[in-house]
Protein backbone atom coordinates (compact mmCIF):
# COMPACT_ATOMS: atom_id res chain seq x y z
CA MET A 1 0.00 0.00 0.00
CA PRO A 2 1.52 3.36 -0.96
CA ILE A 3 2.72 5.54 1.90
CA ASN A 4 0.78 8.61 0.72
CA PHE A 5 -2.53 6.64 0.71
CA VAL A 6 -2.00 5.58 4.35
CA PHE A 7 -1.17 9.17 5.24
CA LEU A 8 -4.41 10.42 3.66
CA GLN A 9 -6.42 7.83 5.65
CA VAL A 10 -4.89 8.99 8.92
CA ILE A 11 -5.69 12.63 8.14
CA PHE A 12 -9.31 11.72 7.28
CA ILE A 13 -9.77 9.81 10.56
CA LEU A 14 -8.31 12.66 12.59
CA LYS A 15 -10.63 15.14 10.89
CA MET A 16 -13.66 12.90 11.55
CA LYS A 17 -12.71 12.55 15.21
CA SER A 18 -12.56 16.30 15.53
CA ARG A 19 -16.06 16.53 14.06
CA ILE A 20 -17.66 13.89 16.29
CA PRO A 21 -18.17 16.26 19.27
CA VAL A 22 -19.66 18.85 16.91
CA ILE A 23 -22.04 16.29 15.42
CA LEU A 24 -23.07 15.01 18.84
CA PHE A 25 -23.62 18.55 20.10
CA ALA A 26 -25.72 19.39 17.03
CA LEU A 27 -27.87 16.27 17.48
CA THR A 28 -28.38 17.06 21.16
CA ALA A 29 -29.40 20.63 20.36
CA VAL A 30 -31.87 19.42 17.71
CA LEU A 31 -33.44 16.92 20.13
CA LEU A 32 -33.75 19.51 22.89
CA PHE A 33 -35.23 22.06 20.51
CA ALA A 34 -37.70 19.47 19.15
CA SER A 35 -38.70 18.53 22.69
CA MET A 36 -39.33 22.19 23.55
CA ILE A 37 -41.51 22.63 20.46
CA GLN A 38 -43.47 19.46 21.26
CA GLN A 39 -43.95 20.55 24.88
CA ALA A 40 -45.19 23.98 23.82
CA THR A 41 -47.42 22.96 20.93
CA GLY A 42 -48.26 19.29 21.36
CA VAL A 43 -48.11 18.99 17.58
CA PHE A 44 -47.72 15.20 17.77
CA ARG A 45 -50.31 13.08 19.59
CA PHE A 46 -49.15 9.97 21.41
CA LYS A 47 -50.96 7.24 23.29
CA GLU A 48 -51.27 8.14 26.95
CA LEU A 49 -49.18 6.22 29.48
CA ASN A 50 -51.09 3.73 31.60
CA GLY A 51 -51.34 3.96 35.36
CA VAL A 52 -52.23 6.69 37.80
CA THR A 53 -49.99 9.74 37.85
CA LYS A 54 -50.15 12.73 40.14
CA GLU A 55 -50.85 15.89 38.21
CA THR A 56 -48.33 18.69 38.70
CA ILE A 57 -48.81 22.41 38.07
CA ILE A 58 -46.41 25.14 37.05
CA PRO A 59 -44.96 26.49 40.28
CA GLU A 60 -45.27 30.16 41.15
CA ALA A 61 -41.86 31.78 41.38
CA ASN A 62 -40.97 34.02 44.30
CA PHE A 63 -37.89 34.79 46.35
CA ALA A 64 -38.92 32.63 49.31
CA ASN A 65 -39.43 29.38 47.42
CA PHE A 66 -36.26 30.08 45.44
CA CYS A 67 -34.23 30.30 48.63
CA ASP A 68 -35.64 27.13 50.19
CA ARG A 69 -35.27 25.26 46.84
CA SER A 70 -38.97 24.36 46.66
CA LEU A 71 -39.20 26.30 43.38
CA GLN A 72 -36.41 24.23 41.84
CA ASP A 73 -37.87 20.97 43.08
CA SER A 74 -41.37 21.85 41.88
CA THR A 75 -40.08 22.95 38.49
CA GLU A 76 -38.12 19.74 38.09
CA ALA A 77 -41.18 17.65 39.01
CA TYR A 78 -43.32 19.57 36.53
CA LEU A 79 -40.82 19.18 33.68
CA LYS A 80 -40.53 15.45 34.32
CA MET A 81 -44.27 15.13 33.75
CA HIS A 82 -44.63 17.50 30.80
CA TYR A 83 -41.49 17.37 28.65
CA GLY A 84 -41.95 16.83 24.93
CA PHE A 85 -42.13 13.24 23.61
CA ARG A 86 -42.55 11.97 27.18
CA GLU A 87 -44.78 9.05 26.19
CA PRO A 88 -42.60 7.41 23.49
CA LEU A 89 -39.36 8.13 25.35
CA THR A 90 -40.76 6.58 28.54
CA ARG A 91 -41.83 3.47 26.67
CA LEU A 92 -38.44 3.26 24.97
CA HIS A 93 -36.69 3.55 28.33
CA ASN A 94 -38.94 0.92 29.94
CA GLN A 95 -38.54 -1.47 27.01
CA THR A 96 -34.74 -1.12 27.08
CA GLN A 97 -34.65 -1.79 30.83
CA TRP A 98 -36.88 -4.84 30.48
CA THR A 99 -35.17 -6.32 27.40
CA LEU A 100 -31.61 -5.89 28.64
CA PHE A 101 -31.99 -6.33 32.39
CA ARG A 102 -35.53 -7.71 32.94
CA TYR A 103 -36.17 -4.74 35.17
CA SER A 104 -39.47 -2.92 35.66
CA GLN A 105 -39.89 0.19 37.78
CA VAL A 106 -43.48 -0.87 38.49
CA GLU A 107 -42.21 -4.06 40.10
CA GLU A 108 -39.50 -2.12 41.94
CA ASP A 109 -42.24 0.11 43.38
CA GLN A 110 -43.99 -3.08 44.61
CA ARG A 111 -47.08 -2.40 42.52
CA ILE A 112 -46.83 -5.75 40.70
CA VAL A 113 -45.04 -9.08 41.09
CA ILE A 114 -43.62 -10.71 37.93
CA THR A 115 -42.69 -14.42 37.89
CA PRO A 116 -39.95 -15.91 35.67
CA ASP A 117 -42.62 -17.30 33.30
CA ASN A 118 -44.19 -13.83 32.84
CA TRP A 119 -47.17 -14.27 35.12
CA ILE A 120 -48.05 -10.99 36.82
CA PHE A 121 -49.85 -10.64 40.15
CA GLU A 122 -50.75 -7.76 42.40
CA PRO A 123 -48.83 -7.87 45.70
CA TRP A 124 -51.95 -8.25 47.83
CA THR A 125 -52.99 -11.36 45.89
CA VAL A 126 -49.61 -12.87 46.73
CA GLU A 127 -50.17 -11.93 50.36
CA GLU A 128 -53.59 -13.60 50.23
CA TYR A 129 -52.10 -16.79 48.76
CA TYR A 130 -49.55 -16.98 51.56
CA GLN A 131 -52.29 -16.17 54.08
CA SER A 132 -50.90 -12.91 55.36
CA HIS A 133 -53.19 -10.37 53.68
CA ALA A 134 -55.58 -10.45 56.63
CA TYR A 135 -52.93 -8.75 58.75
CA GLN A 136 -53.60 -5.61 56.70
CA HIS A 137 -57.06 -5.54 58.30
CA ALA A 138 -56.63 -7.03 61.78
CA LYS A 139 -53.83 -7.68 64.23
CA ASP A 140 -54.58 -11.40 64.64
CA SER A 141 -57.01 -14.17 63.71
CA VAL A 142 -59.29 -13.52 66.67
CA GLU A 143 -59.86 -9.88 65.73
CA MET A 144 -60.28 -10.85 62.08
CA ALA A 145 -62.92 -13.46 62.93
CA GLU A 146 -64.81 -10.93 65.05
CA LYS A 147 -64.93 -8.42 62.18
CA LEU A 148 -66.07 -11.02 59.67
CA GLU A 149 -68.69 -12.41 62.04
CA ALA A 150 -70.10 -8.92 62.63
CA GLU A 151 -70.45 -8.35 58.88
CA ALA A 152 -72.12 -11.73 58.36
CA GLN A 153 -74.64 -10.97 61.11
CA ARG A 154 -75.41 -7.55 59.61
CA LEU A 155 -76.02 -9.06 56.18
CA LEU A 156 -78.34 -11.66 57.67
CA GLU A 157 -80.31 -8.95 59.44
CA ILE A 158 -80.63 -6.88 56.26
CA GLN A 159 -81.61 -9.94 54.25
CA GLU A 160 -84.41 -10.78 56.67
CA PHE A 161 -85.60 -7.16 56.73
CA LEU A 162 -85.78 -6.93 52.92
CA GLU A 163 -87.63 -10.19 52.35
CA PRO A 164 -91.15 -8.77 53.07
CA TYR A 165 -90.45 -6.04 50.50
CA GLY A 166 -89.65 -8.60 47.82
CA THR A 167 -85.99 -7.61 47.67
CA HIS A 168 -83.50 -10.46 47.52
CA LEU A 169 -80.08 -9.71 48.98
CA PHE A 170 -77.25 -12.14 48.23
CA VAL A 171 -73.46 -12.35 48.19
CA ALA A 172 -71.42 -13.44 45.18
CA LEU A 173 -68.09 -14.82 46.39
CA LEU A 174 -65.88 -14.15 43.38
CA PRO A 175 -62.60 -15.98 42.76
CA GLY A 176 -59.16 -14.44 43.09
CA LYS A 177 -56.26 -15.02 40.74
CA GLU A 178 -54.21 -16.50 43.56
CA GLN A 179 -57.05 -18.92 44.29
CA VAL A 180 -57.30 -20.27 40.75
CA CYS A 181 -53.72 -19.89 39.45
CA GLY A 182 -51.75 -20.85 42.56
CA GLU A 183 -49.34 -23.00 40.54
CA HIS A 184 -47.96 -19.81 38.97
CA MET A 185 -47.44 -17.98 42.24
CA PRO A 186 -43.97 -16.59 42.96
CA LYS A 187 -41.88 -18.33 45.59
CA ASN A 188 -42.51 -17.30 49.15
CA THR A 189 -39.75 -14.88 50.13
CA ALA A 190 -41.61 -12.22 52.13
CA TYR A 191 -44.76 -13.83 53.50
CA PHE A 192 -45.65 -16.42 56.09
CA LEU A 193 -48.04 -19.34 56.43
CA ASP A 194 -49.23 -19.18 60.04
CA LYS A 195 -52.49 -17.38 59.28
CA LYS A 196 -55.41 -19.51 60.41
CA ILE A 197 -58.21 -17.55 58.75
CA THR A 198 -59.03 -15.93 55.43
CA ALA A 199 -62.16 -13.95 54.63
CA TYR A 200 -63.16 -16.31 51.83
CA ASP A 201 -62.89 -19.46 53.96
CA PHE A 202 -64.74 -17.81 56.83
CA TYR A 203 -67.63 -16.46 54.78
CA LYS A 204 -68.27 -19.53 52.64
CA ASN A 205 -68.74 -21.64 55.80
CA ARG A 206 -70.47 -19.07 57.98
CA PHE A 207 -72.98 -18.05 55.33
CA LYS A 208 -74.12 -21.67 55.09
CA GLU A 209 -74.54 -21.87 58.85
CA LEU A 210 -76.46 -18.60 59.12
CA GLY A 211 -78.52 -18.98 55.96
CA VAL A 212 -77.17 -15.89 54.22
CA ASN A 213 -77.97 -16.06 50.52
CA HIS A 214 -74.74 -16.57 48.58
CA ILE A 215 -73.20 -18.20 45.54
CA ASP A 216 -69.61 -19.43 45.66
CA LEU A 217 -68.02 -18.79 42.27
CA GLY A 218 -64.54 -19.24 43.74
CA GLU A 219 -65.10 -22.92 44.45
CA TRP A 220 -66.72 -23.34 41.02
CA PHE A 221 -63.67 -21.83 39.29
CA VAL A 222 -61.28 -24.14 41.14
CA GLN A 223 -63.35 -27.17 40.19
CA MET A 224 -63.51 -26.34 36.48
CA LYS A 225 -60.04 -24.82 35.91
CA ASP A 226 -58.64 -28.07 34.45
CA THR A 227 -61.67 -28.82 32.28
CA VAL A 228 -62.37 -25.54 30.44
CA SER A 229 -60.72 -24.72 27.13
CA TYR A 230 -60.15 -21.05 27.90
CA PRO A 231 -58.14 -19.23 30.61
CA LEU A 232 -60.15 -18.24 33.68
CA PHE A 233 -57.57 -15.58 34.53
CA PRO A 234 -55.28 -13.88 32.03
CA GLN A 235 -51.56 -14.31 32.45
CA THR A 236 -50.77 -10.61 32.75
CA GLY A 237 -54.05 -9.28 34.15
CA THR A 238 -55.54 -9.17 37.64
CA HIS A 239 -59.26 -9.68 36.96
CA TRP A 240 -61.02 -12.75 35.67
CA SER A 241 -60.90 -13.10 31.91
CA ASN A 242 -63.61 -11.58 29.77
CA LEU A 243 -64.96 -14.99 28.83
CA ALA A 244 -64.96 -16.17 32.45
CA ALA A 245 -66.90 -13.03 33.42
CA ILE A 246 -69.48 -13.71 30.72
CA HIS A 247 -70.04 -17.30 31.88
CA SER A 248 -70.19 -16.08 35.49
CA ALA A 249 -72.84 -13.50 34.58
CA ASP A 250 -74.95 -16.27 33.05
CA THR A 251 -74.56 -18.29 36.26
CA LEU A 252 -75.52 -15.31 38.42
CA VAL A 253 -78.70 -14.74 36.39
CA ARG A 254 -79.68 -18.39 36.83
CA TYR A 255 -78.97 -18.16 40.55
CA MET A 256 -81.31 -15.15 40.78
CA GLU A 257 -83.95 -17.19 38.97
CA TRP A 258 -83.57 -19.92 41.59
CA LEU A 259 -83.50 -17.46 44.50
CA SER A 260 -86.69 -15.69 43.41
CA ASP A 261 -88.39 -18.70 41.80
CA SER A 262 -88.94 -16.68 38.64
CA ASN A 263 -88.11 -16.60 34.94
CA LEU A 264 -85.48 -14.04 33.87
CA VAL A 265 -84.02 -13.18 30.49
CA ASN A 266 -81.03 -15.48 30.05
CA ILE A 267 -77.64 -14.67 28.55
CA CYS A 268 -76.65 -16.50 25.36
CA ILE A 269 -72.94 -17.10 24.74
CA ASP A 270 -71.74 -17.51 21.17
CA LYS A 271 -68.80 -19.51 19.90
CA THR A 272 -65.51 -18.19 21.26
CA PHE A 273 -62.75 -16.77 19.16
CA ARG A 274 -59.13 -16.00 19.97
CA ARG A 275 -58.32 -12.41 20.70
CA THR A 276 -56.15 -10.59 23.24
CA LEU A 277 -57.82 -7.53 24.74
CA LYS A 278 -56.44 -4.67 26.78
CA PRO A 279 -58.60 -5.40 29.87
CA ASP A 280 -57.05 -8.86 29.97
CA ALA A 281 -53.58 -7.33 30.42
CA ASP A 282 -54.27 -4.52 32.85
CA LEU A 283 -51.22 -5.27 35.01
CA GLU A 284 -48.90 -5.58 32.03
CA SER A 285 -50.16 -2.24 30.73
CA LEU A 286 -48.72 -0.56 33.84
CA MET A 287 -45.24 -1.45 32.60
CA ASN A 288 -45.73 0.83 29.55
CA LEU A 289 -43.65 -1.25 27.16
CA ILE A 290 -43.38 -0.93 23.40
CA TRP A 291 -43.91 -4.63 22.73
CA PRO A 292 -46.23 -6.90 24.74
CA LEU A 293 -44.88 -9.72 26.87
CA GLN A 294 -44.92 -13.26 25.55
CA LYS A 295 -48.01 -14.95 26.93
CA GLU A 296 -50.83 -17.34 26.20
CA PRO A 297 -53.75 -15.90 24.20
CA ASN A 298 -56.97 -14.83 25.85
CA TYR A 299 -60.48 -15.48 24.58
CA LEU A 300 -63.70 -13.56 24.20
CA ALA A 301 -67.18 -14.52 23.09
CA SER A 302 -70.08 -12.47 21.82
CA ALA A 303 -72.85 -12.45 24.41
CA THR A 304 -76.49 -11.83 23.52
CA TYR A 305 -79.71 -12.59 25.37
CA ASP A 306 -82.61 -14.98 25.07
CA TYR A 307 -85.76 -13.35 23.74
CA ASP A 308 -88.51 -14.50 26.09
CA THR A 309 -91.78 -12.59 26.23
CA THR A 310 -92.69 -14.23 29.55
CA ALA A 311 -89.46 -13.29 31.30
CA TRP A 312 -89.20 -10.82 34.14
CA ARG A 313 -86.73 -7.92 33.99
CA PRO A 314 -85.93 -7.04 37.62
CA ARG A 315 -84.02 -4.17 39.14
CA LEU A 316 -80.50 -5.15 40.22
CA ILE A 317 -78.18 -3.11 42.44
CA THR A 318 -74.59 -4.34 42.61
CA ILE A 319 -72.19 -3.32 45.35
CA GLY A 320 -68.69 -4.59 44.77
CA ASP A 321 -65.18 -4.33 43.46
CA SER A 322 -63.69 -3.89 40.00
CA PHE A 323 -64.35 -7.49 38.91
CA TYR A 324 -67.90 -6.43 38.06
CA TRP A 325 -66.70 -4.10 35.29
CA ASN A 326 -66.08 -7.02 32.93
CA ILE A 327 -69.70 -8.11 33.39
CA LEU A 328 -70.97 -4.59 32.67
CA ASN A 329 -68.70 -4.19 29.65
CA TYR A 330 -69.10 -7.58 27.98
CA THR A 331 -72.60 -8.84 28.78
CA PRO A 332 -76.03 -7.47 27.77
CA VAL A 333 -77.11 -6.73 31.34
CA TRP A 334 -79.28 -3.81 30.18
CA ASP A 335 -81.41 -6.29 28.24
CA VAL A 336 -81.62 -8.73 31.15
CA PHE A 337 -82.50 -6.22 33.89
CA GLU A 338 -84.69 -3.16 34.05
CA SER A 339 -81.85 -1.24 35.70
CA VAL A 340 -78.34 -2.16 36.82
CA PRO A 341 -76.76 0.63 38.91
CA PHE A 342 -73.27 -0.21 40.15
CA TRP A 343 -72.22 1.10 43.55
CA TYR A 344 -68.45 0.78 43.20
CA TYR A 345 -66.97 -0.07 46.61
CA PHE A 346 -70.05 1.71 48.00
CA SER A 347 -68.19 4.92 47.29
CA THR A 348 -69.29 6.03 43.83
CA ALA A 349 -72.39 5.10 41.88
CA TYR A 350 -72.64 4.45 38.14
CA PHE A 351 -76.11 4.48 36.59
CA ASP A 352 -77.21 2.50 33.57
CA ASP A 353 -78.99 5.46 31.97
CA GLU A 354 -75.77 7.47 31.59
CA ASP A 355 -72.19 7.04 30.53
CA LEU A 356 -70.55 4.53 32.86
CA LYS A 357 -67.60 6.90 33.19
CA VAL A 358 -69.79 9.40 35.04
CA ALA A 359 -69.53 8.82 38.78
CA HIS A 360 -72.04 9.95 41.36
CA LYS A 361 -71.62 10.22 45.10
CA ILE A 362 -73.31 7.56 47.19
CA SER A 363 -74.01 10.28 49.74
CA ASP A 364 -76.35 11.92 47.22
CA LEU A 365 -78.61 8.85 47.12
CA ASP A 366 -81.39 7.70 49.40
CA VAL A 367 -79.61 4.38 49.85
CA LEU A 368 -82.25 2.64 51.95
CA GLN A 369 -85.10 3.53 49.62
CA GLU A 370 -83.06 2.54 46.56
CA VAL A 371 -82.41 -0.85 48.13
CA ILE A 372 -86.03 -1.41 49.08
CA ASP A 373 -87.16 -0.50 45.56
CA ALA A 374 -84.70 -2.97 44.01
CA ASP A 375 -85.56 -6.60 43.30
CA PHE A 376 -82.03 -7.90 43.85
CA VAL A 377 -79.08 -6.48 45.76
CA MET A 378 -75.84 -8.29 44.98
CA LEU A 379 -72.65 -7.88 46.98
CA SER A 380 -69.97 -8.92 44.52
CA TYR A 381 -66.43 -9.22 45.92
CA SER A 382 -63.28 -11.15 45.03
CA THR A 383 -61.09 -12.84 47.62
CA VAL A 384 -58.80 -9.92 48.53
CA SER A 385 -61.74 -7.49 48.76
CA LEU A 386 -63.82 -9.67 51.08
CA TYR A 387 -62.06 -8.33 54.16
CA LYS A 388 -63.95 -5.06 53.68
CA MET A 389 -67.05 -6.53 52.10
CA SER A 390 -69.94 -4.08 51.64
CA ASN A 391 -67.54 -1.19 52.41
CA GLY A 392 -69.84 0.21 55.07
CA PHE A 393 -73.09 -0.52 53.22
CA SER A 394 -74.41 -2.86 55.92
CA GLU A 395 -73.63 -0.41 58.73
CA GLN A 396 -75.34 2.47 56.90
CA ILE A 397 -78.47 0.48 56.09
CA LEU A 398 -78.91 -0.71 59.67
CA HIS A 399 -78.27 2.79 60.98
CA GLU A 400 -80.95 4.23 58.68
CA LEU A 401 -83.39 1.52 59.69
CA LYS A 402 -83.16 2.66 63.28
CA ASN A 403 -83.91 6.25 62.28
CA LYS A 404 -86.68 5.73 59.73
CA THR A 405 -90.16 4.55 60.61
CA ASN A 406 -92.09 5.19 57.38
CA ILE A 407 -90.49 2.95 54.76
CA GLY A 408 -92.39 1.69 51.77
CA ARG A 409 -91.76 0.16 48.41
CA GLU A 410 -93.02 1.98 45.32
CA THR A 411 -96.72 1.34 44.78
CA ALA A 412 -96.18 0.43 41.17
CA ARG A 413 -93.70 -2.23 42.20
CA HIS A 414 -96.13 -3.69 44.75
CA GLU A 415 -98.72 -4.09 42.01
CA THR A 416 -96.35 -6.16 39.88
CA ARG A 417 -94.80 -8.41 42.50
CA ASP A 418 -96.32 -11.49 40.87
CA HIS A 419 -93.43 -11.30 38.44
CA LYS A 420 -93.85 -14.78 37.04
CA ASP A 421 -96.76 -13.48 34.95
CA VAL A 422 -95.24 -10.11 34.03
CA PRO A 423 -94.11 -9.98 30.38
CA CYS A 424 -90.64 -8.83 29.45
CA GLN A 425 -91.07 -5.25 28.27
CA ASN A 426 -88.93 -3.32 25.80
CA VAL A 427 -86.83 -6.30 24.80
CA THR A 428 -86.18 -6.63 21.09
CA ARG A 429 -85.01 -9.74 19.33
CA PRO A 430 -81.20 -9.90 19.45
CA VAL A 431 -79.12 -9.58 16.31
CA SER A 432 -76.67 -12.41 15.85
CA LYS A 433 -73.00 -11.48 15.86
CA ASN A 434 -70.36 -13.09 13.67
């Protein structure tokens, strides 16, 4: 190789090396400038990040907060939440961390637990599996049993009070992911096994002894988990699968038929098809990755209803946890019932005649009268929520009973209590779905 050619190559490399800092500086300046433009104008729209974030506001600058550094800290917190291209850059960062190091900030913050085979659980479900979740609600088993017994006695009292009004109160014991998918649970490194009581075990036995109306879907799920052809719980979600919720809704309707000795509109479930849906990966979505985790597929079926002109469409009030959302979202409950208000954790109320995203305060309702005017009141709670079942509903009802003397059911409802002969009104023939 000629000497002059080698010399020219060395000069070219030296010149390129001298330009590298300039190029890097120029790229950095372009990125910062683009981020500033995006922050100011929002010209590009990106998919919102999942999870709950605390909203920050632009801090007000003054000499005092500058001196104590609160201005700097507030400004930094605001910029972290509002810088340009935050959504794609966050997902890129999270994906890089997960791909290279199998690290997730959500897991680090103890908001989820991820197993080596990509099963995701909420921490409290792991606590429930290892029988330590009850310690979040009572200091020992004796205190826990006393609390659960008091709730069971209150529900029995309310049930007996409502019977003359034609209102059927019952409890739906819903399954938990730890109950059905225990073989995928992470190894026990932070929990203990000396708990002698769980809310689910207590209630399922005590309700039988007291005669409290209830249906045990948890036991049913455990019995059928090895025989069904679809997942009862999604691999990376916390709630029961959409298809499991649909089948459970059908079972609940048939239980209400048995409880009231009446004929209700039944749910019809079409042939299933394979499809992964966002609600079946609600825990995974908190990780805010670019690409989804490798997992088994989930299933969904189209659900319609049985057109029956002799069926009764009752009023149903549901008090419960977030498991009920899959029933509201994926089953035709508005065609089965006359009304289906959902009292979420007995804190906020969602009505069937409005957008389900609109929340109302329970305190704005005449709770006792609403209950008396209903045909069914269902307390619907999964295993980890049973420790606070009814969320104060039973205490409030009994308190109001002691302070109200003139309580009556709507006259129109009294006149139609012989519901076996009442035709199903305003129900049109369903349209088949492909």
